[in-house]
N, C-alpha and C. Protein backbone atom coordinates (compact mmCIF):
# COMPACT_ATOMS: atom_id res chain seq x y z
N MET A 1 0.99 -1.01 0.10
CA MET A 1 -0.32 0.34 0.04
C MET A 1 1.15 1.09 0.35
N ASN A 2 2.21 1.42 0.22
CA ASN A 2 3.12 2.58 0.49
C ASN A 2 3.58 3.08 -0.52
N ARG A 3 3.77 1.62 -1.16
CA ARG A 3 4.63 1.80 -2.32
C ARG A 3 2.95 2.59 -3.71
N ILE A 4 2.04 2.30 -3.40
CA ILE A 4 1.43 3.42 -4.87
C ILE A 4 0.90 3.91 -4.03
N SER A 5 1.20 4.37 -3.00
CA SER A 5 0.90 5.97 -2.20
C SER A 5 1.69 6.93 -2.61
N ASN A 6 2.99 6.31 -2.71
CA ASN A 6 4.81 6.43 -3.25
C ASN A 6 4.38 7.20 -4.76
N ILE A 7 3.97 5.97 -5.67
CA ILE A 7 3.69 5.86 -7.06
C ILE A 7 2.85 7.66 -6.90
N ALA A 8 1.57 7.47 -6.41
CA ALA A 8 0.49 8.14 -6.14
C ALA A 8 0.73 9.89 -6.52
N GLY A 9 1.84 9.37 -5.84
CA GLY A 9 2.51 11.00 -5.15
C GLY A 9 3.23 11.43 -5.88
N LEU A 10 4.34 11.19 -6.51
CA LEU A 10 5.22 11.50 -7.81
C LEU A 10 4.30 11.83 -8.94
N MET A 11 3.49 11.27 -9.42
CA MET A 11 2.68 10.72 -10.32
C MET A 11 2.21 12.46 -10.43
N LEU A 12 1.52 12.99 -8.68
CA LEU A 12 0.55 14.42 -8.64
C LEU A 12 1.35 15.23 -8.94
N LEU A 13 3.27 15.20 -8.41
CA LEU A 13 3.54 15.70 -8.43
C LEU A 13 4.35 16.23 -10.01
N ALA A 14 4.40 14.90 -10.86
CA ALA A 14 4.91 15.05 -12.54
C ALA A 14 3.47 16.44 -12.71
N LEU A 15 2.58 16.57 -12.24
CA LEU A 15 1.28 16.69 -13.60
C LEU A 15 1.53 18.41 -12.33
N THR A 16 1.96 18.94 -11.60
CA THR A 16 2.15 19.50 -11.17
C THR A 16 3.12 20.68 -11.44
N TRP A 17 4.52 19.94 -12.69
CA TRP A 17 5.27 20.69 -13.48
C TRP A 17 5.18 20.95 -14.64
N VAL A 18 3.90 19.86 -15.40
CA VAL A 18 3.69 20.26 -16.75
C VAL A 18 2.18 21.02 -17.07
N GLN A 19 1.89 20.70 -15.93
CA GLN A 19 1.21 22.15 -15.79
C GLN A 19 0.22 23.09 -16.70
N PRO A 20 1.46 24.05 -16.05
CA PRO A 20 2.09 25.91 -16.50
C PRO A 20 2.82 25.36 -18.11
N ALA A 21 3.13 24.25 -18.59
CA ALA A 21 3.89 24.24 -19.94
C ALA A 21 1.71 24.21 -20.65
N MET A 22 0.98 23.61 -20.58
CA MET A 22 0.37 23.12 -21.17
C MET A 22 -0.85 24.94 -21.88
N ALA A 23 -0.26 25.45 -21.27
CA ALA A 23 -1.03 26.86 -21.77
C ALA A 23 -0.62 27.69 -22.54
N THR A 24 -0.91 28.70 -23.12
CA THR A 24 -0.73 28.99 -24.53
C THR A 24 -0.38 30.23 -23.96
N THR A 25 0.30 30.73 -24.84
CA THR A 25 1.11 32.76 -24.56
C THR A 25 -0.33 33.60 -24.18
N ASP A 26 -1.34 33.52 -24.50
CA ASP A 26 -2.25 34.51 -24.59
C ASP A 26 -3.36 33.37 -22.73
N GLY A 27 -2.85 32.79 -22.40
CA GLY A 27 -3.54 32.57 -21.05
C GLY A 27 -4.52 31.15 -21.56
N GLU A 28 -4.46 30.77 -22.35
CA GLU A 28 -5.68 29.85 -22.54
C GLU A 28 -5.02 28.55 -23.57
N ARG A 29 -6.21 27.70 -22.53
CA ARG A 29 -5.48 26.25 -22.60
C ARG A 29 -4.90 25.35 -23.97
N PHE A 30 -4.08 25.12 -24.00
CA PHE A 30 -3.20 23.89 -25.08
C PHE A 30 -4.24 22.22 -24.85
N ASP A 31 -4.46 21.69 -26.05
CA ASP A 31 -4.67 21.04 -25.58
C ASP A 31 -3.94 19.74 -26.91
N PRO A 32 -3.26 18.91 -25.80
CA PRO A 32 -1.99 18.53 -26.26
C PRO A 32 -2.17 17.14 -27.46
N THR A 33 -3.67 16.61 -27.31
CA THR A 33 -4.13 16.03 -27.90
C THR A 33 -4.79 16.27 -29.05
N ARG A 34 -4.81 17.24 -29.56
CA ARG A 34 -4.88 17.34 -30.77
C ARG A 34 -3.82 18.40 -31.89
N PRO A 35 -3.61 17.70 -33.54
CA PRO A 35 -3.05 17.62 -34.12
C PRO A 35 -1.70 18.91 -34.03
N TYR A 36 -0.99 18.87 -34.19
CA TYR A 36 -0.06 20.08 -33.97
C TYR A 36 -0.36 21.08 -35.30
N THR A 37 -1.01 20.49 -36.51
CA THR A 37 -1.00 21.72 -37.66
C THR A 37 -2.23 22.65 -37.11
N ALA A 38 -3.29 21.91 -36.26
CA ALA A 38 -4.23 22.26 -36.19
C ALA A 38 -4.36 23.74 -35.58
N THR A 39 -5.39 24.52 -35.81
CA THR A 39 -5.99 25.69 -35.08
C THR A 39 -6.08 25.62 -33.41
N HIS A 40 -4.81 26.55 -32.55
CA HIS A 40 -5.64 26.89 -31.20
C HIS A 40 -5.67 28.04 -31.04
N PRO A 41 -6.83 27.43 -29.58
CA PRO A 41 -7.19 28.81 -29.00
C PRO A 41 -6.84 29.70 -29.47
N GLY A 42 -7.59 30.53 -29.59
CA GLY A 42 -7.56 32.16 -29.90
C GLY A 42 -6.81 32.67 -31.55
N THR A 43 -6.67 31.50 -32.09
CA THR A 43 -6.25 32.16 -33.82
C THR A 43 -7.75 31.67 -34.54
N SER A 44 -8.12 32.52 -35.63
CA SER A 44 -9.84 32.08 -36.78
C SER A 44 -9.46 31.08 -36.95
N ALA A 45 -10.27 29.46 -37.09
CA ALA A 45 -10.25 28.50 -37.97
C ALA A 45 -9.84 28.76 -39.55
N ASN A 46 -10.18 30.03 -39.69
CA ASN A 46 -10.88 30.31 -41.50
C ASN A 46 -10.13 31.83 -41.58
N SER A 47 -8.86 32.50 -40.93
CA SER A 47 -8.48 33.68 -41.74
C SER A 47 -7.60 32.92 -42.71
N GLY A 48 -8.07 34.21 -43.96
CA GLY A 48 -6.87 34.32 -44.63
C GLY A 48 -7.15 33.21 -46.02
N THR A 49 -5.75 32.32 -46.42
CA THR A 49 -6.53 31.44 -47.57
C THR A 49 -6.09 30.38 -46.97
N ASP A 50 -5.36 30.51 -45.60
CA ASP A 50 -4.18 29.15 -45.83
C ASP A 50 -5.34 27.71 -44.90
N TRP A 51 -5.69 26.74 -46.18
CA TRP A 51 -6.37 25.47 -45.70
C TRP A 51 -5.71 24.41 -45.22
N GLN A 52 -5.33 24.06 -44.24
CA GLN A 52 -4.96 22.86 -43.75
C GLN A 52 -5.67 21.24 -43.21
N LEU A 53 -4.99 20.86 -44.46
CA LEU A 53 -5.86 18.69 -44.05
C LEU A 53 -5.49 18.17 -42.74
N ASN A 54 -5.60 18.36 -41.68
CA ASN A 54 -5.80 17.44 -40.31
C ASN A 54 -5.79 16.17 -40.62
N ALA A 55 -6.49 15.71 -40.95
CA ALA A 55 -7.03 14.73 -40.98
C ALA A 55 -8.18 14.10 -41.58
N THR A 56 -8.65 12.69 -42.17
CA THR A 56 -9.79 12.23 -42.36
C THR A 56 -9.99 10.89 -42.04
N HIS A 57 -10.99 10.35 -41.95
CA HIS A 57 -11.88 9.32 -41.99
C HIS A 57 -12.82 8.92 -42.23
N ILE A 58 -13.16 7.52 -42.63
CA ILE A 58 -13.64 6.99 -43.78
C ILE A 58 -14.23 5.86 -42.98
N ALA A 59 -15.51 5.95 -42.04
CA ALA A 59 -16.21 4.55 -42.19
C ALA A 59 -17.27 3.79 -42.64
N PRO A 60 -18.22 2.93 -42.60
CA PRO A 60 -19.23 2.91 -43.16
C PRO A 60 -20.45 3.98 -43.10
N GLY A 61 -20.66 4.82 -44.32
CA GLY A 61 -22.13 5.25 -43.95
C GLY A 61 -21.99 6.76 -43.27
N LYS A 62 -20.34 7.02 -43.09
CA LYS A 62 -19.34 8.83 -42.33
C LYS A 62 -18.30 8.67 -42.89
N ARG A 63 -18.78 9.38 -43.48
CA ARG A 63 -16.84 10.21 -43.43
C ARG A 63 -16.88 11.59 -43.30
N THR A 64 -15.52 11.96 -42.38
CA THR A 64 -15.30 12.98 -41.78
C THR A 64 -13.59 13.37 -42.31
N VAL A 65 -13.69 15.12 -41.94
CA VAL A 65 -13.31 15.64 -41.68
C VAL A 65 -11.69 16.57 -40.98
N VAL A 66 -11.13 17.03 -40.70
CA VAL A 66 -10.32 17.70 -40.25
C VAL A 66 -9.45 18.87 -41.06
N ILE A 67 -10.20 20.28 -41.27
CA ILE A 67 -10.01 20.75 -41.13
C ILE A 67 -9.52 22.37 -39.83
N ASN A 68 -8.26 22.84 -40.50
CA ASN A 68 -7.82 23.78 -39.40
C ASN A 68 -8.52 23.50 -38.33
N GLY A 69 -8.16 22.01 -37.97
CA GLY A 69 -8.55 21.45 -35.98
C GLY A 69 -10.44 21.33 -36.22
N VAL A 70 -10.80 21.94 -36.89
CA VAL A 70 -12.29 21.93 -37.25
C VAL A 70 -13.13 20.26 -38.31
N THR A 71 -13.69 19.85 -37.16
CA THR A 71 -14.15 18.17 -37.29
C THR A 71 -16.14 18.77 -38.99
N LEU A 72 -15.72 18.27 -39.45
CA LEU A 72 -17.00 18.72 -40.74
C LEU A 72 -16.89 17.38 -41.15
N THR A 73 -18.23 17.63 -42.25
CA THR A 73 -18.47 16.46 -42.68
C THR A 73 -19.12 16.47 -43.88
N GLU A 74 -18.94 15.75 -45.13
CA GLU A 74 -19.66 16.60 -46.76
C GLU A 74 -20.88 17.31 -46.54
N GLY A 75 -20.59 18.00 -47.29
CA GLY A 75 -21.36 19.29 -46.92
C GLY A 75 -21.09 20.47 -45.90
N GLY A 76 -20.81 19.81 -44.82
CA GLY A 76 -20.22 21.25 -43.61
C GLY A 76 -19.38 22.11 -44.27
N ARG A 77 -19.44 23.52 -43.41
CA ARG A 77 -19.26 24.63 -43.93
C ARG A 77 -18.85 24.88 -42.87
N LEU A 78 -16.76 25.32 -43.32
CA LEU A 78 -16.69 26.35 -42.16
C LEU A 78 -15.93 27.52 -42.73
N GLY A 79 -16.37 28.71 -42.16
CA GLY A 79 -16.03 30.34 -42.42
C GLY A 79 -16.83 29.64 -44.72
N ALA A 80 -15.64 30.31 -45.43
CA ALA A 80 -16.14 30.47 -46.87
C ALA A 80 -16.66 29.33 -47.82
N ALA A 81 -15.87 28.00 -46.83
CA ALA A 81 -15.40 26.89 -47.81
C ALA A 81 -16.62 25.98 -47.51
N ARG A 82 -16.70 25.43 -48.82
CA ARG A 82 -18.42 24.23 -47.79
C ARG A 82 -17.28 22.53 -48.18
N VAL A 83 -17.12 21.57 -47.95
CA VAL A 83 -16.85 20.74 -48.14
C VAL A 83 -17.23 19.50 -49.08
N LEU A 84 -16.93 19.38 -50.59
CA LEU A 84 -17.69 19.03 -51.40
C LEU A 84 -17.64 17.50 -50.87
N ALA A 85 -16.14 16.81 -51.30
CA ALA A 85 -16.16 15.24 -50.90
C ALA A 85 -15.07 15.49 -50.25
N ILE A 86 -15.30 13.76 -49.75
CA ILE A 86 -14.00 13.43 -48.79
C ILE A 86 -13.70 11.75 -48.90
N GLU A 87 -12.28 11.79 -49.38
CA GLU A 87 -12.11 10.20 -49.67
C GLU A 87 -10.52 10.12 -48.57
N HIS A 88 -9.60 8.93 -49.11
CA HIS A 88 -8.68 9.31 -48.05
C HIS A 88 -7.59 10.09 -47.86
N GLY A 89 -7.62 10.16 -47.17
CA GLY A 89 -6.11 11.64 -47.21
C GLY A 89 -6.29 12.89 -47.77
N GLU A 90 -7.64 13.17 -48.89
CA GLU A 90 -7.95 13.89 -49.18
C GLU A 90 -9.62 14.67 -48.83
N ALA A 91 -9.79 15.82 -49.09
CA ALA A 91 -10.77 16.56 -49.26
C ALA A 91 -10.73 17.45 -50.75
N LEU A 92 -12.12 17.76 -51.12
CA LEU A 92 -12.55 18.49 -51.66
C LEU A 92 -13.65 19.42 -51.53
N ILE A 93 -13.42 21.41 -51.52
CA ILE A 93 -13.60 22.49 -51.35
C ILE A 93 -14.05 22.63 -51.66
N ASP A 94 -15.03 23.43 -51.89
CA ASP A 94 -15.74 24.78 -52.78
C ASP A 94 -15.42 25.71 -51.58
N LEU A 95 -14.31 27.36 -52.57
CA LEU A 95 -13.91 28.56 -51.72
C LEU A 95 -14.16 29.35 -52.35
N ASN A 96 -15.74 30.00 -52.47
CA ASN A 96 -16.47 31.02 -52.94
C ASN A 96 -16.10 30.98 -54.30
N GLY A 97 -17.35 29.86 -54.87
CA GLY A 97 -17.32 28.99 -56.60
C GLY A 97 -15.70 28.50 -56.99
N LYS A 98 -14.81 28.20 -55.84
CA LYS A 98 -13.40 27.80 -57.03
C LYS A 98 -13.60 26.60 -56.00
N THR A 99 -12.92 25.05 -56.39
CA THR A 99 -12.91 24.39 -55.44
C THR A 99 -11.42 23.86 -55.89
N ARG A 100 -10.99 23.36 -54.56
CA ARG A 100 -9.60 23.12 -54.37
C ARG A 100 -9.33 22.08 -53.65
N MET A 101 -8.36 21.22 -54.06
CA MET A 101 -8.22 19.56 -52.86
C MET A 101 -6.82 20.03 -51.90
N LEU A 102 -7.44 19.54 -50.74
CA LEU A 102 -6.61 19.92 -50.09
C LEU A 102 -5.93 18.21 -49.34
N ARG A 103 -4.96 17.62 -49.27
CA ARG A 103 -4.64 16.87 -49.67
C ARG A 103 -3.53 16.36 -48.23
N LEU A 104 -3.17 15.40 -47.23
CA LEU A 104 -1.97 15.33 -46.16
C LEU A 104 -1.23 15.04 -47.19
N GLN A 105 0.16 14.94 -46.58
CA GLN A 105 1.08 15.79 -46.60
C GLN A 105 1.45 13.50 -46.39
N PRO A 106 2.38 13.16 -47.19
CA PRO A 106 2.60 11.84 -47.82
C PRO A 106 2.63 11.26 -45.95
N GLY A 107 3.75 11.25 -45.55
CA GLY A 107 4.38 10.82 -44.15
C GLY A 107 2.99 10.60 -43.15
N GLU A 108 1.37 11.60 -43.49
CA GLU A 108 0.75 11.60 -42.69
C GLU A 108 -0.52 10.61 -43.23
N VAL A 109 -0.42 10.15 -44.28
CA VAL A 109 -1.73 9.10 -44.53
C VAL A 109 -0.98 8.39 -43.94
N LYS A 110 -2.26 7.45 -42.94
CA LYS A 110 -2.15 5.79 -42.37
C LYS A 110 -3.62 4.88 -42.56
N LYS A 111 -3.15 4.16 -42.87
CA LYS A 111 -4.48 3.14 -43.04
C LYS A 111 -4.97 2.36 -42.03
N ASN A 112 -5.98 2.28 -41.32
CA ASN A 112 -6.50 0.78 -40.58
C ASN A 112 -6.84 -0.28 -40.40
N ARG A 113 -7.02 0.26 -41.87
CA ARG A 113 -7.80 -1.11 -41.89
C ARG A 113 -7.72 -1.87 -43.83
């Protein structure tokens, strides 16, 4: 029992050291589970023309895509963009009447099945 108590105490101490590092410069919390290229708190997901495809997920009956840190389905909107189609590792969007293909980088594409 004493060993478990010591381990729990060390884990609690480690968490108190890590916690301040999880805040952004503007004081908002940073989510370490989000992709590195995702939009972080305090920034606009659709600012400018920088559209970043973060992930695609294709399952029977449902296709989702993460663009600039926002999860969308086919037909979904993010600012001026609308998702037209989702395929493995890429998404076709309509941006103000012009189509644009967003692709994951080759090293980011992983097939689970």
